[in-house]
Protein backbone atom coordinates (compact mmCIF):
# COMPACT_ATOMS: atom_id res chain seq x y z
CA MET A 1 130.89 60.13 109.39
CA LEU A 2 131.83 62.39 106.17
CA ASN A 3 134.26 60.46 104.29
CA ALA A 4 134.58 59.67 100.65
CA ALA A 5 134.65 56.02 101.37
CA THR A 6 131.06 55.94 103.00
CA LEU A 7 129.59 58.20 100.62
CA PRO A 8 128.82 57.95 96.97
CA ALA A 9 130.78 60.00 94.60
CA LYS A 10 129.33 63.06 92.89
CA GLN A 11 125.70 62.90 94.95
CA LEU A 12 125.80 65.81 97.61
CA GLN A 13 125.41 69.38 96.74
CA PRO A 14 128.36 71.67 97.31
CA PRO A 15 128.61 74.67 99.34
CA GLN A 16 126.44 77.28 97.41
CA ARG A 17 126.84 81.19 96.93
CA VAL A 18 124.01 82.87 98.83
CA TRP A 19 123.25 85.25 96.03
CA HIS A 20 122.57 82.02 93.69
CA VAL A 21 119.89 80.93 95.90
CA LEU A 22 118.57 84.44 96.33
CA LEU A 23 118.31 84.72 92.45
CA LEU A 24 116.89 81.36 91.98
CA VAL A 25 114.12 81.78 94.32
CA ALA A 26 113.49 85.28 93.70
CA LEU A 27 113.12 84.93 89.68
CA SER A 28 111.34 81.62 89.69
CA LEU A 29 108.60 83.35 92.05
CA GLY A 30 109.21 80.84 94.82
CA LEU A 31 109.25 77.60 92.69
CA TYR A 32 112.98 77.10 93.33
CA SER A 33 112.00 76.14 97.06
CA LEU A 34 110.64 73.05 95.89
CA VAL A 35 114.14 71.92 94.42
CA PHE A 36 115.90 73.35 97.19
CA LEU A 37 113.97 70.92 99.89
CA TYR A 38 114.12 68.06 97.42
CA ARG A 39 117.94 68.45 96.99
CA ASN A 40 118.59 68.80 100.92
CA GLY A 41 116.13 65.82 101.51
CA LYS A 42 118.38 63.61 99.35
CA ASP A 43 121.49 65.09 100.99
CA LEU A 44 120.21 64.28 104.60
CA ARG A 45 119.12 60.97 103.50
CA LEU A 46 122.93 60.04 102.49
CA LEU A 47 124.37 61.71 105.24
CA ASP A 48 122.48 60.45 108.20
CA ASP A 49 121.11 57.29 106.84
CA SER A 50 117.52 58.38 108.09
CA PRO A 51 114.46 57.49 106.16
CA THR A 52 113.37 60.39 104.04
CA ARG A 53 111.25 60.97 101.23
CA PRO A 54 112.61 63.95 99.26
CA TRP A 55 109.42 64.19 97.04
CA LEU A 56 107.34 64.67 100.00
CA TRP A 57 109.59 67.62 101.05
CA ALA A 58 109.33 69.27 97.59
CA LEU A 59 105.71 69.40 98.12
CA ALA A 60 105.76 71.44 101.30
CA PRO A 61 105.69 74.84 99.67
CA LEU A 62 102.45 73.81 98.26
CA PHE A 63 101.15 73.12 101.84
CA PRO A 64 102.49 76.12 103.81
CA ILE A 65 101.22 75.11 106.97
CA THR A 66 103.57 72.43 106.84
CA LEU A 67 106.73 74.42 106.55
CA PRO A 68 107.43 75.25 110.29
CA PHE A 69 107.76 71.42 111.01
CA LEU A 70 109.49 70.63 108.06
CA LEU A 71 112.26 73.30 108.13
CA SER A 72 112.71 72.91 112.06
CA ARG A 73 113.44 69.05 111.27
CA MET A 74 115.41 69.65 108.24
CA MET A 75 117.87 72.08 110.17
CA GLY A 76 117.52 70.02 113.32
CA ARG A 77 119.20 67.06 111.23
CA TYR A 78 121.62 69.48 109.78
CA GLN A 79 122.44 70.81 113.21
CA ALA A 80 123.16 67.28 114.61
CA LEU A 81 125.44 66.44 112.08
CA ALA A 82 127.43 69.72 112.25
CA LYS A 83 127.57 69.21 116.09
CA SER A 84 129.31 65.77 115.66
CA HIS A 85 132.14 67.77 113.88
CA GLN A 86 132.17 70.59 116.39
CA ILE A 87 130.34 73.14 113.95
CA LYS A 88 127.52 75.17 115.01
CA ILE A 89 124.45 75.67 113.15
CA ASN A 90 121.48 77.58 113.90
CA ASN A 91 118.27 75.99 113.76
CA ARG A 92 115.66 78.84 112.88
CA GLY A 93 113.35 76.39 110.98
CA THR A 94 110.38 77.11 112.95
CA LEU A 95 110.57 80.64 112.88
CA TYR A 96 111.36 80.63 109.08
CA GLY A 97 108.30 78.34 108.36
CA SER A 98 105.98 80.37 110.55
CA VAL A 99 106.96 83.70 108.51
CA LEU A 100 106.57 82.10 105.16
CA LEU A 101 103.30 80.73 106.08
CA ILE A 102 102.14 84.03 107.33
CA VAL A 103 103.45 85.72 104.17
CA THR A 104 101.67 83.11 101.89
CA VAL A 105 98.32 83.97 103.54
CA LEU A 106 98.74 87.61 103.21
CA GLN A 107 99.69 87.19 99.62
CA GLN A 108 96.36 84.92 99.14
CA ILE A 109 94.32 87.92 100.66
CA PHE A 110 96.04 90.72 98.47
CA SER A 111 95.54 88.44 95.36
CA LEU A 112 91.87 88.23 96.01
CA SER A 113 91.55 91.95 96.70
CA SER A 114 92.85 93.24 93.35
CA GLY A 115 95.32 92.98 90.58
CA GLN A 116 97.41 95.88 92.03
CA TYR A 117 97.92 94.31 95.33
CA ALA A 118 98.56 90.97 93.93
CA VAL A 119 101.48 92.46 92.18
CA VAL A 120 102.85 93.94 95.52
CA GLY A 121 102.22 90.79 97.55
CA ALA A 122 104.15 88.78 94.62
CA LEU A 123 106.93 91.31 95.07
CA VAL A 124 107.20 91.21 98.82
CA GLY A 125 106.75 87.51 98.92
CA GLY A 126 109.47 87.08 96.61
CA VAL A 127 111.80 89.02 98.74
CA VAL A 128 110.73 87.11 101.91
CA TRP A 129 111.12 83.72 100.39
CA SER A 130 114.38 84.32 98.63
CA GLY A 131 115.79 86.03 101.92
CA LEU A 132 114.93 83.20 104.20
CA PHE A 133 116.05 80.51 101.74
CA ALA A 134 119.35 82.24 101.26
CA SER A 135 119.65 82.40 104.97
CA LEU A 136 119.08 78.69 105.38
CA THR A 137 121.66 78.18 102.66
CA ASN A 138 124.21 80.17 104.83
CA GLU A 139 123.73 77.91 107.78
CA ILE A 140 123.91 74.77 105.66
CA ASN A 141 127.20 75.85 103.88
CA LYS A 142 128.88 75.91 107.41
CA LEU A 143 128.58 71.86 107.03
CA ARG A 144 128.86 71.62 103.27
CA ILE A 145 132.44 73.02 103.50
CA ILE A 146 133.76 69.84 104.92
CA TYR A 147 131.93 67.45 102.38
CA PRO A 148 134.55 65.18 100.55
CA LYS A 149 135.46 66.78 97.02
CA ALA A 150 134.89 63.38 95.72
CA SER A 151 131.15 63.32 96.89
CA LEU A 152 130.07 66.78 95.39
CA LYS A 153 127.91 67.07 92.30
CA TRP A 154 129.98 70.04 91.02
CA PRO A 155 132.84 72.41 92.27
CA ALA A 156 132.24 74.23 95.50
CA TYR A 157 130.63 77.57 95.29
CA GLY A 158 130.33 77.06 91.62
CA ILE A 159 126.87 76.89 89.63
CA SER A 160 125.64 73.63 87.70
CA ARG A 161 124.31 73.70 84.18
CA PRO A 162 120.89 73.01 85.45
CA GLN A 163 121.18 76.20 87.72
CA THR A 164 122.40 78.32 84.91
CA ILE A 165 119.44 77.22 82.71
CA GLY A 166 117.11 77.54 85.57
CA LEU A 167 118.36 81.03 86.33
CA ILE A 168 117.76 82.36 82.51
CA ALA A 169 114.42 80.40 82.26
CA SER A 170 113.16 81.97 85.59
CA GLY A 171 114.44 85.37 84.74
CA VAL A 172 112.19 85.06 81.50
CA VAL A 173 109.32 83.78 82.99
CA CYS A 174 109.47 86.60 85.85
CA ALA A 175 109.84 89.29 83.62
CA LEU A 176 106.79 87.91 81.25
CA TYR A 177 104.79 87.60 84.30
CA PHE A 178 105.21 91.24 85.65
CA SER A 179 105.13 92.59 82.21
CA VAL A 180 101.74 90.97 81.38
CA THR A 181 100.42 91.67 84.86
CA LEU A 182 101.53 95.54 85.17
CA LYS A 183 100.18 96.02 81.54
CA ARG A 184 96.77 94.70 82.30
CA GLU A 185 96.56 96.21 85.49
CA PHE A 186 97.76 99.84 84.78
CA SER A 187 97.54 100.60 81.13
CA HIS A 188 94.19 102.09 81.44
CA LEU A 189 95.79 104.62 83.94
CA PHE A 190 97.56 106.35 80.90
CA HIS A 191 94.31 107.24 79.26
CA PRO A 192 93.11 111.03 79.46
CA THR A 193 91.54 111.94 82.89
CA LEU A 194 88.84 113.96 83.60
CA ASP A 195 89.85 116.77 85.47
CA ALA A 196 88.23 118.18 88.45
CA GLY A 197 85.64 120.70 87.53
CA SER A 198 84.60 119.00 84.23
CA VAL A 199 81.04 117.15 83.29
CA TRP A 200 80.94 113.86 81.82
CA GLN A 201 77.52 113.04 79.91
CA PRO A 202 76.77 110.17 78.02
CA THR A 203 76.32 110.71 73.99
CA ASN A 204 72.72 109.64 74.42
CA GLY A 205 71.21 110.37 77.87
CA ASN A 206 69.27 112.70 79.88
CA TYR A 207 71.81 113.07 82.74
CA ARG A 208 75.36 113.94 83.52
CA ILE A 209 77.87 113.95 86.28
CA LYS A 210 79.99 116.77 87.73
CA VAL A 211 83.30 115.76 88.49
CA GLN A 212 84.82 117.23 91.62
CA ASP A 213 88.21 115.36 91.50
CA ASP A 214 90.57 114.10 88.81
CA TRP A 215 89.38 111.01 87.52
CA VAL A 216 90.44 108.32 85.01
CA LEU A 217 87.66 107.27 82.36
CA ALA A 218 88.63 103.73 81.72
CA PRO A 219 88.10 101.93 78.62
CA GLU A 220 84.58 100.10 78.92
CA GLY A 221 85.15 96.49 79.95
CA THR A 222 88.40 97.30 82.28
CA TYR A 223 86.18 96.59 85.42
CA SER A 224 83.14 95.09 84.15
CA GLN A 225 81.71 92.77 81.25
CA GLY A 226 81.33 95.61 78.94
CA ASP A 227 77.62 96.57 79.96
CA THR A 228 78.34 99.99 81.48
CA GLU A 229 77.77 103.45 80.34
CA ALA A 230 81.13 104.50 81.82
CA GLU A 231 83.97 103.32 84.04
CA PHE A 232 85.70 105.86 86.26
CA ALA A 233 88.89 104.73 88.29
CA ILE A 234 91.13 105.97 90.93
CA SER A 235 93.47 103.31 90.50
CA SER A 236 92.95 99.43 89.54
CA SER A 237 91.68 98.84 93.16
CA ALA A 238 89.08 101.64 93.27
CA TRP A 239 86.53 102.31 90.72
CA VAL A 240 82.87 103.51 89.80
CA LEU A 241 80.75 102.03 87.20
CA VAL A 242 77.70 103.49 85.61
CA PHE A 243 74.92 101.35 84.79
CA ASP A 244 71.48 102.07 83.02
CA GLN A 245 69.05 100.02 84.72
CA SER A 246 65.95 101.24 83.03
CA LEU A 247 65.17 98.28 81.26
CA ASN A 248 66.42 95.79 83.83
CA ASN A 249 65.25 96.29 87.61
CA SER A 250 63.46 98.48 90.08
CA VAL A 251 65.50 100.09 92.75
CA GLN A 252 64.53 97.57 95.08
CA GLY A 253 65.55 94.79 92.72
CA VAL A 254 68.99 96.61 92.38
CA SER A 255 69.61 96.95 95.86
CA GLU A 256 68.66 93.21 96.64
CA ALA A 257 71.10 91.77 93.70
CA ARG A 258 73.90 94.23 95.16
CA ARG A 259 73.43 92.91 98.73
CA GLN A 260 73.62 89.47 97.47
CA PHE A 261 76.78 90.20 95.41
CA VAL A 262 78.40 91.52 98.60
CA ARG A 263 77.37 88.82 100.79
CA GLU A 264 78.76 86.30 98.31
CA ARG A 265 81.97 88.15 98.09
CA ASP A 266 82.53 89.52 101.72
CA PRO A 267 80.21 87.72 104.14
CA GLY A 268 81.49 89.97 106.89
CA ALA A 269 80.55 92.98 105.34
CA GLU A 270 78.16 95.66 107.23
CA CYS A 271 75.58 97.23 104.94
CA ILE A 272 73.55 100.50 105.37
CA GLU A 273 70.91 101.87 102.89
CA LYS A 274 68.88 105.14 102.91
CA ARG A 275 66.33 106.42 100.28
CA ARG A 276 64.72 109.75 99.67
CA LEU A 277 63.43 112.12 97.06
CA VAL A 278 65.92 114.40 95.66
CA ASP A 279 65.59 117.92 96.58
CA ASN A 280 63.36 119.99 94.31
CA SER A 281 62.58 117.09 92.00
CA LEU A 282 60.41 113.86 91.88
CA SER A 283 63.60 111.81 91.32
CA LEU A 284 64.22 108.80 93.88
CA TYR A 285 67.84 108.50 95.26
CA SER A 286 69.14 105.40 96.76
CA HIS A 287 72.19 105.02 98.59
CA LEU A 288 73.45 101.54 99.85
CA GLU A 289 77.12 101.19 101.34
CA CYS A 290 78.56 98.11 102.41
CA THR A 291 82.16 98.09 104.30
CA GLU A 292 84.27 95.11 105.46
CA ASP A 293 87.31 96.16 107.85
CA LEU A 294 90.10 93.82 107.50
CA GLY A 295 92.38 95.54 109.63
CA ALA A 296 95.17 96.58 107.32
CA ALA A 297 92.77 96.98 104.41
CA LYS A 298 89.20 98.09 103.80
CA THR A 299 86.88 96.90 101.34
CA THR A 300 83.85 99.17 100.55
CA TYR A 301 80.90 98.80 98.00
CA ILE A 302 78.69 101.70 97.27
CA SER A 303 75.38 101.54 95.15
CA SER A 304 73.74 104.81 94.32
CA GLN A 305 70.63 104.76 92.29
CA TYR A 306 68.67 107.66 90.60
CA ASP A 307 65.30 106.98 89.13
CA ASN A 308 63.22 109.77 87.78
CA GLY A 309 60.36 107.45 86.42
CA THR A 310 61.77 107.17 82.88
CA THR A 311 65.36 106.55 83.43
CA HIS A 312 67.02 104.58 86.13
CA ILE A 313 70.80 105.13 86.53
CA GLU A 314 73.15 103.05 89.08
CA LEU A 315 76.52 104.42 90.20
CA PHE A 316 78.26 101.09 91.60
CA ALA A 317 81.56 101.53 93.53
CA ILE A 318 84.13 99.16 94.67
CA ALA A 319 87.21 100.31 96.59
CA ILE A 320 89.75 97.69 98.10
CA VAL A 321 92.33 100.02 99.82
CA PRO A 322 94.70 100.13 102.46
CA SER A 323 93.00 101.65 105.83
CA TYR A 324 95.18 104.61 105.67
CA SER A 325 93.97 105.71 102.56
CA HIS A 326 90.39 104.38 102.72
CA ARG A 327 88.86 107.81 103.96
CA ARG A 328 90.34 109.84 101.21
CA ILE A 329 89.10 107.48 98.51
CA HIS A 330 85.99 106.86 100.08
CA GLN A 331 85.25 110.85 100.15
CA GLN A 332 86.26 110.97 96.45
CA ILE A 333 83.68 108.37 95.32
CA LEU A 334 80.92 110.11 97.56
CA ARG A 335 81.74 113.47 95.68
CA LEU A 336 81.45 111.75 92.28
CA VAL A 337 78.22 110.06 93.10
CA SER A 338 76.84 113.38 94.41
CA GLY A 339 77.72 115.13 91.26
CA PHE A 340 75.21 112.93 89.31
CA GLU A 341 71.87 114.76 88.08
CA PHE A 342 69.08 114.53 85.49
CA ASN A 343 69.26 117.45 83.17
CA ASN A 344 66.28 118.84 84.73
CA ASP A 345 67.37 118.22 88.21
CA GLY A 346 69.57 120.02 90.49
CA GLY A 347 71.32 117.04 91.94
CA VAL A 348 71.86 115.31 95.18
CA LYS A 349 72.56 117.88 97.97
């Protein structure tokens, strides 16, 4: 079946070095998988004379739900070709496709959670995608080593000019992506922090916040549209915004707006609200807390409002964190919220 007389010259891919594929998939952030599937689709069309549309195969990574079927079919065809030449190829296409589908779904969840987890998701996803496609290459190489030399596009285990250009271009794009993302997500963490025991007070305001833990005072607009009095951060996935709501809404109005915000963002979140007068004062304290448990991660929204009749301040917190660190971060946010007090009050006890 595999002889130079029946195959067109310089059409088939030669055996590839596994590390070439590792780098190409990883540095291109998975985009090389489109090229990988397109080229293998073309090869199989030449090898087994079966009707194949390589351009449809190339679209599969954009629709991950198709990957278990496509990879299983691709490796099954290679397996049949290899069997006729007494070569054993393992068909793990269904397993690999299922893993890639799960990883892609998790990447989407992380990307919706926060920039920090989007970076982690991209890194982990890149490792998994590159590793699995490299493993597929290793299996396909068992058959490629018997391809007639005249049918190869370039020498066996070599690297073509397009691949060389692709490696360089992918490396540059990958470096730019992570440098821009990391700078955007973490640059504010290098600003001076508020040490535990210090007091933050606005330039013009009749209230203050006693800080019981170390916090980062992020630049205005880092986590908001720039309409805050202050922005406190634990990380790029947990922060507290201070809003002056005196001219905007009542306590009830703000609570309803926050509930609506949570319903639109996390429909499954459960909310609890309580209101009372601050001890030894006439200030009203309202605390709304909504949490959604995703298993591996938890998302919490906290809106604490203080209204003394003339000034209405809201501390609004969002924390999207792994379940194992949720309790610690949740307690740190509550300690910051409880440190609020009007200048003539004693704070929340």
